[in-house]
Amino acid sequence: MLGPRVWSSVRQGLSRGLFRTVGAWASGEGKKVDIAGIYPPVTTPFTATAEVDYEKLEENLHKLGTFPFRGFVVQGSNGEFPFLTSSERLEVVSRVRQAMPKDKLLLAGSGCESTQATVEMTVSMAQVGADAAMVVTPCYYSGRMSSAALIHHYTKVADLSPIPVVLYSVPANTGLDLPVDAVVTLSQHPNIVGIKDSGGDVTRIGLIVHKTRRQDFQVLAGSAGFLLAGYAVGDPALWDPGAEENHGLVWVLRRPLPRPLGGAEPQPGGGAALGFHQQWLALRAGTGPACAHLSLLS
């Protein structure tokens, strides 16, 4: 059962109309929060005795804060959240919120195996500063995780969350891909703002973009390796020339960006840095509404 404090927060969240306006990130009256942008994944440093190294965590945040990122993602795969206790997960979110610039958006991984535990973790993360909750698919009983079961799970979480919810599908770690039909159904929920898809299937990503193009819903893809391919499928004009709105795509950059020598443009340094530089130049050279709405997340 949810404790009295948790239910109090849940009721407050519901009284705010299921989703809240997060400063300048709200896209307008009656609109969901706009999560488009570049979000580097924040790793969780550990000491030699396997304790969370909060000093190093804050040091990393101060360094990342010098880049013009839209925000940060904590407790995704790079954050190693399965190795953290519940209290450590909340403390990490709190420390990150305190260390990061106040104008940045904080997406926090709050997924747990049960719906009740996920609701409690999501509400608690909202209390310590998360702007949106990134909820990974429950997977221990993967054989029973049908579309209906997952829709039920995410709907309950979104109904009771005081902050926007981002679906998170990472089959390499969970062995479970969030079905496209479930994503389409969930995209209609007023408190579910998008999906971070780390499966790497560009055809699937394009299908999700196509099927949710009429919803206020954004697709967050999980690897820079398919950035340009995702950019191509991210323009609804490729599917429907009459589309009035563009989908923002949020991309995960799993490797650190080289420090820019001037402005915000990364410099080529070989390997992953060179590859990102080439993609960066390609995107800068792009024109039209699709380029304007393309985003990067981690």
Protein backbone atom coordinates (compact mmCIF):
# COMPACT_ATOMS: atom_id res chain seq x y z
CA MET A 1 0.00 0.00 0.00
CA LEU A 2 1.09 3.54 -0.66
CA GLY A 3 1.92 5.48 2.49
CA PRO A 4 -0.01 8.62 3.53
CA ARG A 5 2.76 10.96 2.34
CA VAL A 6 2.93 9.32 -1.05
CA TRP A 7 -0.84 9.46 -1.50
CA SER A 8 -0.81 13.11 -0.48
CA SER A 9 1.71 13.84 -3.25
CA VAL A 10 -0.32 11.77 -5.69
CA ARG A 11 -3.48 13.76 -4.93
CA GLN A 12 -1.55 17.00 -5.37
CA GLY A 13 -0.31 15.76 -8.74
CA LEU A 14 -3.81 14.81 -9.84
CA SER A 15 -5.17 18.16 -8.73
CA ARG A 16 -2.70 19.80 -11.10
CA GLY A 17 -4.38 18.04 -13.99
CA LEU A 18 -2.10 14.96 -14.38
CA PHE A 19 0.81 16.89 -15.80
CA ARG A 20 2.50 20.08 -14.83
CA THR A 21 3.98 23.00 -16.69
CA VAL A 22 7.74 22.95 -16.21
CA GLY A 23 8.76 26.58 -16.54
CA ALA A 24 9.60 27.50 -20.12
CA TRP A 25 9.45 23.89 -21.27
CA ALA A 26 5.69 23.80 -21.53
CA SER A 27 4.61 24.08 -25.13
CA GLY A 28 1.47 26.03 -24.35
CA GLU A 29 -1.90 25.85 -22.69
CA GLY A 30 -3.29 22.31 -22.94
CA LYS A 31 -0.02 21.04 -24.38
CA LYS A 32 2.36 18.48 -22.97
CA VAL A 33 5.85 19.43 -21.85
CA ASP A 34 8.28 19.76 -24.76
CA ILE A 35 11.24 17.45 -24.06
CA ALA A 36 13.13 18.11 -27.29
CA GLY A 37 16.86 18.70 -26.85
CA ILE A 38 20.24 17.13 -26.12
CA TYR A 39 20.49 15.22 -22.82
CA PRO A 40 23.78 13.51 -21.91
CA PRO A 41 23.46 10.36 -19.78
CA VAL A 42 24.83 10.93 -16.29
CA THR A 43 26.83 8.00 -14.97
CA THR A 44 26.82 7.07 -11.29
CA PRO A 45 30.39 7.11 -9.91
CA PHE A 46 31.27 4.59 -7.19
CA THR A 47 34.04 4.53 -4.61
CA ALA A 48 36.41 1.60 -4.11
CA THR A 49 34.03 0.34 -1.41
CA ALA A 50 31.03 0.34 -3.80
CA GLU A 51 29.45 3.46 -2.27
CA VAL A 52 28.03 6.20 -4.50
CA ASP A 53 30.71 8.86 -4.94
CA TYR A 54 28.56 11.98 -4.68
CA GLU A 55 31.57 14.29 -4.85
CA LYS A 56 32.58 12.89 -8.25
CA LEU A 57 28.96 12.97 -9.37
CA GLU A 58 28.72 16.68 -8.64
CA GLU A 59 32.11 17.26 -10.27
CA ASN A 60 30.85 15.59 -13.45
CA LEU A 61 27.68 17.69 -13.40
CA HIS A 62 29.66 20.91 -13.13
CA LYS A 63 31.70 19.89 -16.20
CA LEU A 64 28.63 18.88 -18.19
CA GLY A 65 26.96 22.13 -17.18
CA THR A 66 29.45 24.06 -19.33
CA PHE A 67 27.86 22.65 -22.50
CA PRO A 68 24.61 24.02 -23.98
CA PHE A 69 22.63 20.86 -23.25
CA ARG A 70 18.87 20.99 -22.77
CA GLY A 71 19.13 18.88 -19.65
CA PHE A 72 20.35 15.60 -18.21
CA VAL A 73 19.20 12.01 -17.89
CA VAL A 74 19.93 10.15 -14.67
CA GLN A 75 19.42 6.48 -13.83
CA GLY A 76 19.13 5.19 -17.33
CA SER A 77 21.38 2.28 -18.27
CA ASN A 78 24.51 4.40 -17.89
CA GLY A 79 23.38 5.40 -14.42
CA GLU A 80 23.45 1.73 -13.30
CA PHE A 81 20.26 2.14 -11.28
CA PRO A 82 19.84 -1.63 -10.62
CA PHE A 83 22.91 -1.41 -8.37
CA LEU A 84 21.44 1.38 -6.21
CA THR A 85 19.19 1.15 -3.18
CA SER A 86 15.94 3.11 -3.21
CA SER A 87 17.43 5.77 -0.94
CA GLU A 88 20.52 6.04 -3.14
CA ARG A 89 18.37 6.48 -6.23
CA LEU A 90 16.56 9.39 -4.62
CA GLU A 91 19.75 10.91 -3.26
CA VAL A 92 21.36 10.80 -6.71
CA VAL A 93 18.40 12.65 -8.24
CA SER A 94 18.49 15.21 -5.43
CA ARG A 95 22.24 15.81 -5.78
CA VAL A 96 22.00 16.12 -9.56
CA ARG A 97 19.14 18.61 -9.29
CA GLN A 98 21.15 20.73 -6.85
CA ALA A 99 24.33 20.63 -8.94
CA MET A 100 22.89 21.21 -12.40
CA PRO A 101 21.90 24.63 -13.78
CA LYS A 102 18.35 25.51 -12.77
CA ASP A 103 17.28 26.18 -16.36
CA LYS A 104 18.00 22.57 -17.42
CA LEU A 105 15.48 19.74 -17.56
CA LEU A 106 16.06 16.63 -15.42
CA LEU A 107 14.76 13.28 -16.68
CA ALA A 108 15.04 10.61 -13.99
CA GLY A 109 14.67 6.87 -14.39
CA SER A 110 12.02 5.74 -11.90
CA GLY A 111 11.07 2.32 -13.24
CA CYS A 112 10.67 -0.65 -10.89
CA GLU A 113 9.30 -4.16 -11.36
CA SER A 114 5.88 -3.51 -9.83
CA THR A 115 3.38 -0.79 -10.64
CA GLN A 116 3.06 0.23 -6.99
CA ALA A 117 6.83 0.51 -6.51
CA THR A 118 7.13 2.51 -9.74
CA VAL A 119 4.43 4.94 -8.63
CA GLU A 120 6.09 5.43 -5.26
CA MET A 121 9.53 5.93 -6.82
CA THR A 122 8.14 8.36 -9.41
CA VAL A 123 6.34 10.46 -6.81
CA SER A 124 9.44 10.48 -4.59
CA MET A 125 11.69 11.51 -7.48
CA ALA A 126 9.32 14.36 -8.28
CA GLN A 127 9.63 15.50 -4.68
CA VAL A 128 13.44 15.68 -4.89
CA GLY A 129 13.56 17.58 -8.16
CA ALA A 130 12.89 15.41 -11.24
CA ASP A 131 11.06 17.23 -14.03
CA ALA A 132 10.00 14.07 -15.85
CA ALA A 133 10.09 10.35 -15.08
CA MET A 134 11.65 7.88 -17.52
CA VAL A 135 9.96 4.54 -16.83
CA VAL A 136 11.65 1.37 -18.09
CA THR A 137 9.56 -1.68 -18.95
CA PRO A 138 9.16 -4.17 -16.08
CA CYS A 139 10.79 -7.38 -17.32
CA TYR A 140 11.26 -10.07 -14.65
CA TYR A 141 8.04 -11.79 -15.77
CA SER A 142 8.68 -10.90 -19.40
CA GLY A 143 6.52 -13.76 -20.67
CA ARG A 144 3.47 -12.12 -19.09
CA MET A 145 4.28 -8.61 -20.29
CA SER A 146 1.68 -8.45 -23.05
CA SER A 147 0.60 -5.18 -24.64
CA ALA A 148 -2.46 -5.15 -22.38
CA ALA A 149 -0.34 -5.66 -19.24
CA LEU A 150 2.12 -2.93 -20.22
CA ILE A 151 -0.65 -0.49 -21.14
CA HIS A 152 -2.25 -1.13 -17.75
CA HIS A 153 1.10 -0.62 -15.96
CA TYR A 154 2.03 2.62 -17.69
CA THR A 155 -1.49 4.03 -17.50
CA LYS A 156 -1.59 3.56 -13.73
CA VAL A 157 1.85 5.14 -13.33
CA ALA A 158 0.95 8.09 -15.56
CA ASP A 159 -2.41 8.58 -13.81
CA LEU A 160 -0.70 8.91 -10.44
CA SER A 161 2.50 10.70 -11.42
CA PRO A 162 2.77 14.40 -10.57
CA ILE A 163 5.32 14.84 -13.39
CA PRO A 164 5.32 13.85 -17.08
CA VAL A 165 6.18 10.26 -17.96
CA VAL A 166 8.55 9.08 -20.70
CA LEU A 167 8.27 5.44 -21.78
CA TYR A 168 11.64 3.65 -21.86
CA SER A 169 12.29 0.60 -24.04
CA VAL A 170 15.80 -0.91 -23.82
CA PRO A 171 15.53 -4.54 -25.00
CA ALA A 172 19.27 -5.20 -24.80
CA ASN A 173 19.00 -4.96 -21.01
CA THR A 174 15.43 -6.08 -20.37
CA GLY A 175 14.90 -8.61 -23.15
CA LEU A 176 11.59 -6.87 -23.79
CA ASP A 177 10.61 -4.45 -26.55
CA LEU A 178 7.66 -2.21 -25.73
CA PRO A 179 5.19 -3.19 -28.51
CA VAL A 180 4.39 -0.50 -31.06
CA ASP A 181 0.63 -0.94 -30.54
CA ALA A 182 1.11 -0.30 -26.82
CA VAL A 183 3.17 2.82 -27.55
CA VAL A 184 0.47 4.14 -29.87
CA THR A 185 -2.23 3.60 -27.25
CA LEU A 186 -0.15 5.14 -24.47
CA SER A 187 0.79 8.16 -26.62
CA GLN A 188 -2.79 9.35 -26.17
CA HIS A 189 -2.45 9.64 -22.40
CA PRO A 190 -2.23 13.31 -21.33
CA ASN A 191 0.67 12.64 -18.96
CA ILE A 192 2.82 10.48 -21.26
CA VAL A 193 4.97 12.81 -23.35
CA GLY A 194 7.22 10.46 -25.33
CA ILE A 195 9.32 7.34 -25.55
CA LYS A 196 13.05 6.76 -25.31
CA ASP A 197 13.65 3.82 -27.66
CA SER A 198 17.11 2.28 -27.30
CA GLY A 199 16.45 -0.78 -29.46
CA GLY A 200 18.23 0.58 -32.51
CA ASP A 201 15.54 -0.52 -34.99
CA VAL A 202 15.15 2.51 -37.24
CA THR A 203 12.18 0.97 -39.07
CA ARG A 204 10.39 0.59 -35.72
CA ILE A 205 11.25 4.17 -34.74
CA GLY A 206 9.90 5.42 -38.06
CA LEU A 207 6.70 3.43 -37.53
CA ILE A 208 6.23 4.91 -34.05
CA VAL A 209 6.78 8.42 -35.41
CA HIS A 210 4.27 7.74 -38.18
CA LYS A 211 1.60 6.20 -35.97
CA THR A 212 1.84 8.89 -33.28
CA ARG A 213 2.21 11.86 -35.61
CA ARG A 214 -1.24 13.20 -34.69
CA GLN A 215 -0.47 13.02 -30.96
CA ASP A 216 1.49 15.46 -28.83
CA PHE A 217 4.19 12.81 -28.43
CA GLN A 218 7.95 12.78 -28.98
CA VAL A 219 10.34 9.97 -29.88
CA LEU A 220 13.64 9.72 -28.02
CA ALA A 221 16.08 7.34 -29.69
CA GLY A 222 18.84 5.77 -27.66
CA SER A 223 22.05 5.82 -29.68
CA ALA A 224 24.05 8.28 -31.74
CA GLY A 225 24.81 5.38 -34.09
CA PHE A 226 21.45 5.83 -35.84
CA LEU A 227 21.20 9.60 -35.48
CA LEU A 228 21.11 10.42 -39.19
CA ALA A 229 18.84 7.49 -40.03
CA GLY A 230 16.47 8.57 -37.29
CA TYR A 231 16.66 12.13 -38.54
CA ALA A 232 15.37 10.91 -41.91
CA VAL A 233 12.35 9.09 -40.44
CA GLY A 234 11.70 11.89 -37.97
CA ASP A 235 10.21 14.22 -40.57
CA PRO A 236 6.49 13.45 -40.92
CA ALA A 237 6.54 15.17 -44.30
CA LEU A 238 8.22 12.00 -45.54
CA TRP A 239 5.08 10.10 -44.51
CA ASP A 240 2.44 12.76 -45.03
CA PRO A 241 3.19 15.96 -46.97
CA GLY A 242 0.19 17.56 -45.29
CA ALA A 243 1.50 17.04 -41.76
CA GLU A 244 1.25 20.27 -39.78
CA GLU A 245 3.65 19.41 -37.00
CA ASN A 246 7.11 17.88 -36.77
CA HIS A 247 8.23 15.24 -34.35
CA GLY A 248 11.18 16.19 -32.20
CA LEU A 249 13.67 13.35 -31.82
CA VAL A 250 15.83 13.04 -28.74
CA TRP A 251 19.04 11.09 -29.14
CA VAL A 252 21.27 9.46 -26.59
CA LEU A 253 24.96 10.23 -26.87
CA ARG A 254 26.63 7.40 -24.99
CA ARG A 255 30.15 8.80 -25.31
CA PRO A 256 31.44 12.12 -23.94
CA LEU A 257 31.55 14.98 -26.39
CA PRO A 258 34.97 16.52 -27.08
CA ARG A 259 35.29 19.94 -25.49
CA PRO A 260 34.55 22.65 -28.10
CA LEU A 261 37.30 25.14 -28.92
CA GLY A 262 34.83 27.87 -29.60
CA GLY A 263 31.09 28.21 -29.33
CA ALA A 264 29.24 24.93 -29.03
CA GLU A 265 30.58 23.05 -32.05
CA PRO A 266 32.52 19.86 -31.22
CA GLN A 267 35.90 19.45 -32.89
CA PRO A 268 36.92 16.28 -34.78
CA GLY A 269 39.41 14.10 -32.93
CA GLY A 270 39.08 10.74 -34.66
CA GLY A 271 36.89 7.78 -33.79
CA ALA A 272 33.57 8.59 -32.16
CA ALA A 273 34.46 12.29 -31.97
CA LEU A 274 35.03 12.44 -35.73
CA GLY A 275 31.80 10.57 -36.42
CA PHE A 276 29.81 12.95 -34.25
CA HIS A 277 31.51 15.94 -35.88
CA GLN A 278 30.44 14.70 -39.31
CA GLN A 279 26.87 14.24 -38.10
CA TRP A 280 26.94 17.66 -36.47
CA LEU A 281 28.02 19.30 -39.74
CA ALA A 282 25.38 17.39 -41.67
CA LEU A 283 22.66 18.59 -39.31
CA ARG A 284 23.93 22.17 -39.40
CA ALA A 285 23.79 22.05 -43.19
CA GLY A 286 20.17 20.85 -43.11
CA THR A 287 17.35 23.20 -43.84
CA GLY A 288 13.62 23.14 -43.38
CA PRO A 289 11.34 22.37 -40.44
CA ALA A 290 12.69 18.87 -39.82
CA CYS A 291 16.16 20.16 -39.00
CA ALA A 292 14.70 22.82 -36.74
CA HIS A 293 12.88 20.23 -34.64
CA LEU A 294 15.58 17.56 -34.45
CA SER A 295 16.92 16.95 -30.95
CA LEU A 296 19.51 14.86 -29.16
CA LEU A 297 19.06 13.06 -25.81
CA SER A 298 21.11 10.73 -23.70
